[in-house]
Amino acid sequence: MGFTFECPHCRQVRLGVAIHQDGRIDVDHADIQAGYVWKMKGDSFENLSLTPSVDASKYGHWHGFITDGEIR
């Protein structure tokens, strides 16, 4: 189970986040190795919050926050 979202920086790739049964989350993208782990709050994308920030800037993509369903 998980979700993807368009990279807010380049708008050309989708960043994918897989949700694990124990509540941890790993991000995965063709250029990004899995293993980044966040805390998640919320039960839908409308109220989803991830901590810490999602940082794909090393690969030329977005670095920012998802807080209360808003991508910043």
PDB file of N, CA and C in Angstrom:
ATOM      1  N   MET A   1       0.849  -1.167   0.000  1.00  0.00           N
ATOM      2  CA  MET A   1       0.000   0.000   0.000  1.00  0.00           C
ATOM      3  C   MET A   1       0.897   1.234   0.000  1.00  0.00           C
ATOM      4  N   GLY A   2       0.461   2.290  -0.634  1.00  0.00           N
ATOM      5  CA  GLY A   2       1.230   3.517  -0.667  1.00  0.00           C
ATOM      6  C   GLY A   2       0.617   4.529  -1.601  1.00  0.00           C
ATOM      7  N   PHE A   3       1.408   5.515  -1.973  1.00  0.00           N
ATOM      8  CA  PHE A   3       0.928   6.542  -2.891  1.00  0.00           C
ATOM      9  C   PHE A   3       2.105   7.142  -3.636  1.00  0.00           C
ATOM     10  N   THR A   4       1.806   7.789  -4.745  1.00  0.00           N
ATOM     11  CA  THR A   4       2.810   8.555  -5.477  1.00  0.00           C
ATOM     12  C   THR A   4       2.294   9.966  -5.633  1.00  0.00           C
ATOM     13  N   PHE A   5       3.225  10.884  -5.846  1.00  0.00           N
ATOM     14  CA  PHE A   5       2.834  12.261  -6.137  1.00  0.00           C
ATOM     15  C   PHE A   5       3.851  12.863  -7.084  1.00  0.00           C
ATOM     16  N   GLU A   6       3.370  13.789  -7.876  1.00  0.00           N
ATOM     17  CA  GLU A   6       4.229  14.468  -8.844  1.00  0.00           C
ATOM     18  C   GLU A   6       5.273  15.282  -8.100  1.00  0.00           C
ATOM     19  N   CYS A   7       6.516  15.184  -8.540  1.00  0.00           N
ATOM     20  CA  CYS A   7       7.584  15.975  -7.931  1.00  0.00           C
ATOM     21  C   CYS A   7       7.218  17.456  -8.061  1.00  0.00           C
ATOM     22  N   PRO A   8       7.016  18.163  -6.943  1.00  0.00           N
ATOM     23  CA  PRO A   8       6.658  19.577  -7.017  1.00  0.00           C
ATOM     24  C   PRO A   8       7.746  20.448  -7.643  1.00  0.00           C
ATOM     25  N   HIS A   9       8.977  19.935  -7.694  1.00  0.00           N
ATOM     26  CA  HIS A   9      10.093  20.717  -8.241  1.00  0.00           C
ATOM     27  C   HIS A   9      10.143  20.647  -9.770  1.00  0.00           C
ATOM     28  N   CYS A  10      10.171  19.439 -10.319  1.00  0.00           N
ATOM     29  CA  CYS A  10      10.358  19.314 -11.771  1.00  0.00           C
ATOM     30  C   CYS A  10       9.068  18.980 -12.516  1.00  0.00           C
ATOM     31  N   ARG A  11       8.079  18.439 -11.818  1.00  0.00           N
ATOM     32  CA  ARG A  11       6.793  18.053 -12.419  1.00  0.00           C
ATOM     33  C   ARG A  11       6.946  17.066 -13.575  1.00  0.00           C
ATOM     34  N   GLN A  12       8.062  16.305 -13.591  1.00  0.00           N
ATOM     35  CA  GLN A  12       8.300  15.340 -14.667  1.00  0.00           C
ATOM     36  C   GLN A  12       8.409  13.911 -14.167  1.00  0.00           C
ATOM     37  N   VAL A  13       8.591  13.711 -12.868  1.00  0.00           N
ATOM     38  CA  VAL A  13       8.661  12.369 -12.299  1.00  0.00           C
ATOM     39  C   VAL A  13       7.681  12.279 -11.138  1.00  0.00           C
ATOM     40  N   ARG A  14       7.335  11.056 -10.798  1.00  0.00           N
ATOM     41  CA  ARG A  14       6.492  10.825  -9.635  1.00  0.00           C
ATOM     42  C   ARG A  14       7.360  10.239  -8.534  1.00  0.00           C
ATOM     43  N   LEU A  15       7.202  10.760  -7.340  1.00  0.00           N
ATOM     44  CA  LEU A  15       7.873  10.218  -6.166  1.00  0.00           C
ATOM     45  C   LEU A  15       6.900   9.254  -5.503  1.00  0.00           C
ATOM     46  N   GLY A  16       7.380   8.074  -5.134  1.00  0.00           N
ATOM     47  CA  GLY A  16       6.511   7.056  -4.553  1.00  0.00           C
ATOM     48  C   GLY A  16       6.841   6.803  -3.104  1.00  0.00           C
ATOM     49  N   VAL A  17       5.811   6.637  -2.296  1.00  0.00           N
ATOM     50  CA  VAL A  17       5.960   6.343  -0.875  1.00  0.00           C
ATOM     51  C   VAL A  17       5.164   5.086  -0.578  1.00  0.00           C
ATOM     52  N   ALA A  18       5.828   4.069  -0.055  1.00  0.00           N
ATOM     53  CA  ALA A  18       5.164   2.822   0.333  1.00  0.00           C
ATOM     54  C   ALA A  18       4.952   2.817   1.837  1.00  0.00           C
ATOM     55  N   ILE A  19       3.769   2.433   2.267  1.00  0.00           N
ATOM     56  CA  ILE A  19       3.437   2.380   3.687  1.00  0.00           C
ATOM     57  C   ILE A  19       3.547   0.933   4.148  1.00  0.00           C
ATOM     58  N   HIS A  20       4.292   0.718   5.214  1.00  0.00           N
ATOM     59  CA  HIS A  20       4.475  -0.617   5.756  1.00  0.00           C
ATOM     60  C   HIS A  20       3.472  -0.874   6.881  1.00  0.00           C
ATOM     61  N   GLN A  21       3.202  -2.132   7.159  1.00  0.00           N
ATOM     62  CA  GLN A  21       2.213  -2.497   8.163  1.00  0.00           C
ATOM     63  C   GLN A  21       2.528  -1.941   9.543  1.00  0.00           C
ATOM     64  N   ASP A  22       3.789  -1.766   9.859  1.00  0.00           N
ATOM     65  CA  ASP A  22       4.145  -1.258  11.184  1.00  0.00           C
ATOM     66  C   ASP A  22       4.094   0.260  11.268  1.00  0.00           C
ATOM     67  N   GLY A  23       3.598   0.920  10.197  1.00  0.00           N
ATOM     68  CA  GLY A  23       3.432   2.363  10.205  1.00  0.00           C
ATOM     69  C   GLY A  23       4.614   3.135   9.682  1.00  0.00           C
ATOM     70  N   ARG A  24       5.745   2.447   9.426  1.00  0.00           N
ATOM     71  CA  ARG A  24       6.895   3.141   8.856  1.00  0.00           C
ATOM     72  C   ARG A  24       6.685   3.312   7.366  1.00  0.00           C
ATOM     73  N   ILE A  25       7.367   4.272   6.773  1.00  0.00           N
ATOM     74  CA  ILE A  25       7.217   4.575   5.362  1.00  0.00           C
ATOM     75  C   ILE A  25       8.587   4.600   4.718  1.00  0.00           C
ATOM     76  N   ASP A  26       8.723   3.971   3.544  1.00  0.00           N
ATOM     77  CA  ASP A  26       9.943   4.040   2.750  1.00  0.00           C
ATOM     78  C   ASP A  26       9.618   4.736   1.438  1.00  0.00           C
ATOM     79  N   VAL A  27      10.466   5.651   1.010  1.00  0.00           N
ATOM     80  CA  VAL A  27      10.285   6.291  -0.290  1.00  0.00           C
ATOM     81  C   VAL A  27      11.081   5.493  -1.311  1.00  0.00           C
ATOM     82  N   ASP A  28      10.584   5.432  -2.531  1.00  0.00           N
ATOM     83  CA  ASP A  28      11.294   4.706  -3.575  1.00  0.00           C
ATOM     84  C   ASP A  28      11.045   5.400  -4.903  1.00  0.00           C
ATOM     85  N   HIS A  29      12.070   5.560  -5.676  1.00  0.00           N
ATOM     86  CA  HIS A  29      12.008   6.144  -7.016  1.00  0.00           C
ATOM     87  C   HIS A  29      13.151   5.514  -7.785  1.00  0.00           C
ATOM     88  N   ALA A  30      13.084   5.494  -9.071  1.00  0.00           N
ATOM     89  CA  ALA A  30      14.132   4.865  -9.875  1.00  0.00           C
ATOM     90  C   ALA A  30      15.519   5.404  -9.522  1.00  0.00           C
ATOM     91  N   ASP A  31      15.616   6.686  -9.175  1.00  0.00           N
ATOM     92  CA  ASP A  31      16.900   7.306  -8.861  1.00  0.00           C
ATOM     93  C   ASP A  31      17.163   7.427  -7.370  1.00  0.00           C
ATOM     94  N   ILE A  32      16.221   7.002  -6.547  1.00  0.00           N
ATOM     95  CA  ILE A  32      16.344   7.182  -5.107  1.00  0.00           C
ATOM     96  C   ILE A  32      16.268   5.818  -4.444  1.00  0.00           C
ATOM     97  N   GLN A  33      17.253   5.469  -3.656  1.00  0.00           N
ATOM     98  CA  GLN A  33      17.244   4.180  -2.977  1.00  0.00           C
ATOM     99  C   GLN A  33      16.232   4.195  -1.845  1.00  0.00           C
ATOM    100  N   ALA A  34      15.541   3.064  -1.662  1.00  0.00           N
ATOM    101  CA  ALA A  34      14.597   2.934  -0.547  1.00  0.00           C
ATOM    102  C   ALA A  34      15.358   2.951   0.767  1.00  0.00           C
ATOM    103  N   GLY A  35      14.679   3.247   1.841  1.00  0.00           N
ATOM    104  CA  GLY A  35      15.296   3.208   3.150  1.00  0.00           C
ATOM    105  C   GLY A  35      15.071   4.456   3.972  1.00  0.00           C
ATOM    106  N   TYR A  36      14.570   5.502   3.391  1.00  0.00           N
ATOM    107  CA  TYR A  36      14.241   6.691   4.144  1.00  0.00           C
ATOM    108  C   TYR A  36      12.987   6.381   4.952  1.00  0.00           C
ATOM    109  N   VAL A  37      12.994   6.675   6.228  1.00  0.00           N
ATOM    110  CA  VAL A  37      11.875   6.315   7.098  1.00  0.00           C
ATOM    111  C   VAL A  37      11.326   7.575   7.760  1.00  0.00           C
ATOM    112  N   TRP A  38      10.001   7.695   7.725  1.00  0.00           N
ATOM    113  CA  TRP A  38       9.315   8.843   8.310  1.00  0.00           C
ATOM    114  C   TRP A  38       8.260   8.390   9.294  1.00  0.00           C
ATOM    115  N   LYS A  39       7.852   9.314  10.148  1.00  0.00           N
ATOM    116  CA  LYS A  39       6.672   9.116  10.980  1.00  0.00           C
ATOM    117  C   LYS A  39       5.489   9.668  10.199  1.00  0.00           C
ATOM    118  N   MET A  40       4.372   8.994  10.298  1.00  0.00           N
ATOM    119  CA  MET A  40       3.191   9.393   9.554  1.00  0.00           C
ATOM    120  C   MET A  40       2.046   9.655  10.521  1.00  0.00           C
ATOM    121  N   LYS A  41       1.298  10.725  10.251  1.00  0.00           N
ATOM    122  CA  LYS A  41       0.057  11.017  10.962  1.00  0.00           C
ATOM    123  C   LYS A  41      -1.014  11.200   9.904  1.00  0.00           C
ATOM    124  N   GLY A  42      -2.236  10.841  10.241  1.00  0.00           N
ATOM    125  CA  GLY A  42      -3.360  11.006   9.325  1.00  0.00           C
ATOM    126  C   GLY A  42      -3.789   9.676   8.744  1.00  0.00           C
ATOM    127  N   ASP A  43      -5.024   9.640   8.267  1.00  0.00           N
ATOM    128  CA  ASP A  43      -5.555   8.397   7.719  1.00  0.00           C
ATOM    129  C   ASP A  43      -5.936   8.519   6.249  1.00  0.00           C
ATOM    130  N   SER A  44      -5.654   9.672   5.645  1.00  0.00           N
ATOM    131  CA  SER A  44      -5.884   9.876   4.212  1.00  0.00           C
ATOM    132  C   SER A  44      -4.924  10.967   3.742  1.00  0.00           C
ATOM    133  N   PHE A  45      -4.825  11.154   2.409  1.00  0.00           N
ATOM    134  CA  PHE A  45      -3.912  12.193   1.935  1.00  0.00           C
ATOM    135  C   PHE A  45      -4.373  13.579   2.371  1.00  0.00           C
ATOM    136  N   GLU A  46      -5.669  13.757   2.555  1.00  0.00           N
ATOM    137  CA  GLU A  46      -6.199  15.071   2.944  1.00  0.00           C
ATOM    138  C   GLU A  46      -5.673  15.539   4.292  1.00  0.00           C
ATOM    139  N   ASN A  47      -5.314  14.601   5.190  1.00  0.00           N
ATOM    140  CA  ASN A  47      -4.788  15.015   6.495  1.00  0.00           C
ATOM    141  C   ASN A  47      -3.429  14.381   6.803  1.00  0.00           C
ATOM    142  N   LEU A  48      -2.731  13.931   5.767  1.00  0.00           N
ATOM    143  CA  LEU A  48      -1.437  13.275   5.914  1.00  0.00           C
ATOM    144  C   LEU A  48      -0.349  14.256   6.324  1.00  0.00           C
ATOM    145  N   SER A  49       0.459  13.856   7.293  1.00  0.00           N
ATOM    146  CA  SER A  49       1.663  14.596   7.676  1.00  0.00           C
ATOM    147  C   SER A  49       2.819  13.610   7.783  1.00  0.00           C
ATOM    148  N   LEU A  50       3.965  13.967   7.222  1.00  0.00           N
ATOM    149  CA  LEU A  50       5.174  13.160   7.305  1.00  0.00           C
ATOM    150  C   LEU A  50       6.262  13.966   7.996  1.00  0.00           C
ATOM    151  N   THR A  51       7.007  13.334   8.890  1.00  0.00           N
ATOM    152  CA  THR A  51       8.176  13.965   9.493  1.00  0.00           C
ATOM    153  C   THR A  51       9.313  12.961   9.482  1.00  0.00           C
ATOM    154  N   PRO A  52      10.517  13.382   9.188  1.00  0.00           N
ATOM    155  CA  PRO A  52      10.953  14.715   8.783  1.00  0.00           C
ATOM    156  C   PRO A  52      10.540  15.020   7.344  1.00  0.00           C
ATOM    157  N   SER A  53      11.150  16.032   6.755  1.00  0.00           N
ATOM    158  CA  SER A  53      10.851  16.427   5.379  1.00  0.00           C
ATOM    159  C   SER A  53      11.216  15.317   4.397  1.00  0.00           C
ATOM    160  N   VAL A  54      10.640  15.395   3.206  1.00  0.00           N
ATOM    161  CA  VAL A  54      10.988  14.490   2.106  1.00  0.00           C
ATOM    162  C   VAL A  54      12.083  15.204   1.316  1.00  0.00           C
ATOM    163  N   ASP A  55      13.250  14.609   1.248  1.00  0.00           N
ATOM    164  CA  ASP A  55      14.384  15.275   0.604  1.00  0.00           C
ATOM    165  C   ASP A  55      14.931  14.432  -0.545  1.00  0.00           C
ATOM    166  N   ALA A  56      14.519  14.767  -1.764  1.00  0.00           N
ATOM    167  CA  ALA A  56      15.035  14.117  -2.966  1.00  0.00           C
ATOM    168  C   ALA A  56      15.946  15.073  -3.736  1.00  0.00           C
ATOM    169  N   SER A  57      16.400  16.144  -3.076  1.00  0.00           N
ATOM    170  CA  SER A  57      17.202  17.175  -3.748  1.00  0.00           C
ATOM    171  C   SER A  57      18.543  16.646  -4.244  1.00  0.00           C
ATOM    172  N   LYS A  58      19.065  15.635  -3.607  1.00  0.00           N
ATOM    173  CA  LYS A  58      20.333  15.045  -4.046  1.00  0.00           C
ATOM    174  C   LYS A  58      20.236  14.544  -5.484  1.00  0.00           C
ATOM    175  N   TYR A  59      19.018  14.230  -5.917  1.00  0.00           N
ATOM    176  CA  TYR A  59      18.782  13.711  -7.252  1.00  0.00           C
ATOM    177  C   TYR A  59      18.127  14.740  -8.171  1.00  0.00           C
ATOM    178  N   GLY A  60      18.147  16.010  -7.760  1.00  0.00           N
ATOM    179  CA  GLY A  60      17.584  17.080  -8.571  1.00  0.00           C
ATOM    180  C   GLY A  60      16.080  17.228  -8.442  1.00  0.00           C
ATOM    181  N   HIS A  61      15.513  16.636  -7.398  1.00  0.00           N
ATOM    182  CA  HIS A  61      14.075  16.697  -7.195  1.00  0.00           C
ATOM    183  C   HIS A  61      13.744  17.482  -5.931  1.00  0.00           C
ATOM    184  N   TRP A  62      12.527  17.388  -5.519  1.00  0.00           N
ATOM    185  CA  TRP A  62      11.937  18.212  -4.475  1.00  0.00           C
ATOM    186  C   TRP A  62      12.486  17.919  -3.085  1.00  0.00           C
ATOM    187  N   HIS A  63      12.577  18.969  -2.275  1.00  0.00           N
ATOM    188  CA  HIS A  63      12.822  18.864  -0.840  1.00  0.00           C
ATOM    189  C   HIS A  63      11.784  19.731  -0.153  1.00  0.00           C
ATOM    190  N   GLY A  64      10.935  19.107   0.633  1.00  0.00           N
ATOM    191  CA  GLY A  64       9.890  19.866   1.315  1.00  0.00           C
ATOM    192  C   GLY A  64       9.116  19.009   2.288  1.00  0.00           C
ATOM    193  N   PHE A  65       7.972  19.524   2.705  1.00  0.00           N
ATOM    194  CA  PHE A  65       7.166  18.895   3.732  1.00  0.00           C
ATOM    195  C   PHE A  65       5.787  18.536   3.197  1.00  0.00           C
ATOM    196  N   ILE A  66       5.209  17.498   3.760  1.00  0.00           N
ATOM    197  CA  ILE A  66       3.785  17.194   3.579  1.00  0.00           C
ATOM    198  C   ILE A  66       3.193  17.335   4.974  1.00  0.00           C
ATOM    199  N   THR A  67       2.338  18.341   5.142  1.00  0.00           N
ATOM    200  CA  THR A  67       1.747  18.655   6.430  1.00  0.00           C
ATOM    201  C   THR A  67       0.258  18.877   6.260  1.00  0.00           C
ATOM    202  N   ASP A  68      -0.533  18.120   6.998  1.00  0.00           N
ATOM    203  CA  ASP A  68      -1.999  18.208   6.925  1.00  0.00           C
ATOM    204  C   ASP A  68      -2.497  18.142   5.490  1.00  0.00           C
ATOM    205  N   GLY A  69      -1.877  17.278   4.686  1.00  0.00           N
ATOM    206  CA  GLY A  69      -2.305  17.063   3.307  1.00  0.00           C
ATOM    207  C   GLY A  69      -1.804  18.087   2.311  1.00  0.00           C
ATOM    208  N   GLU A  70      -1.039  19.058   2.764  1.00  0.00           N
ATOM    209  CA  GLU A  70      -0.501  20.081   1.867  1.00  0.00           C
ATOM    210  C   GLU A  70       0.982  19.836   1.606  1.00  0.00           C
ATOM    211  N   ILE A  71       1.367  19.936   0.348  1.00  0.00           N
ATOM    212  CA  ILE A  71       2.762  19.793  -0.049  1.00  0.00           C
ATOM    213  C   ILE A  71       3.378  21.180  -0.064  1.00  0.00           C
ATOM    214  N   ARG A  72       4.419  21.384   0.730  1.00  0.00           N
ATOM    215  CA  ARG A  72       5.040  22.708   0.859  1.00  0.00           C
ATOM    216  C   ARG A  72       6.510  22.640   0.547  1.00  0.00           C
TER     217      ARG A  72
END
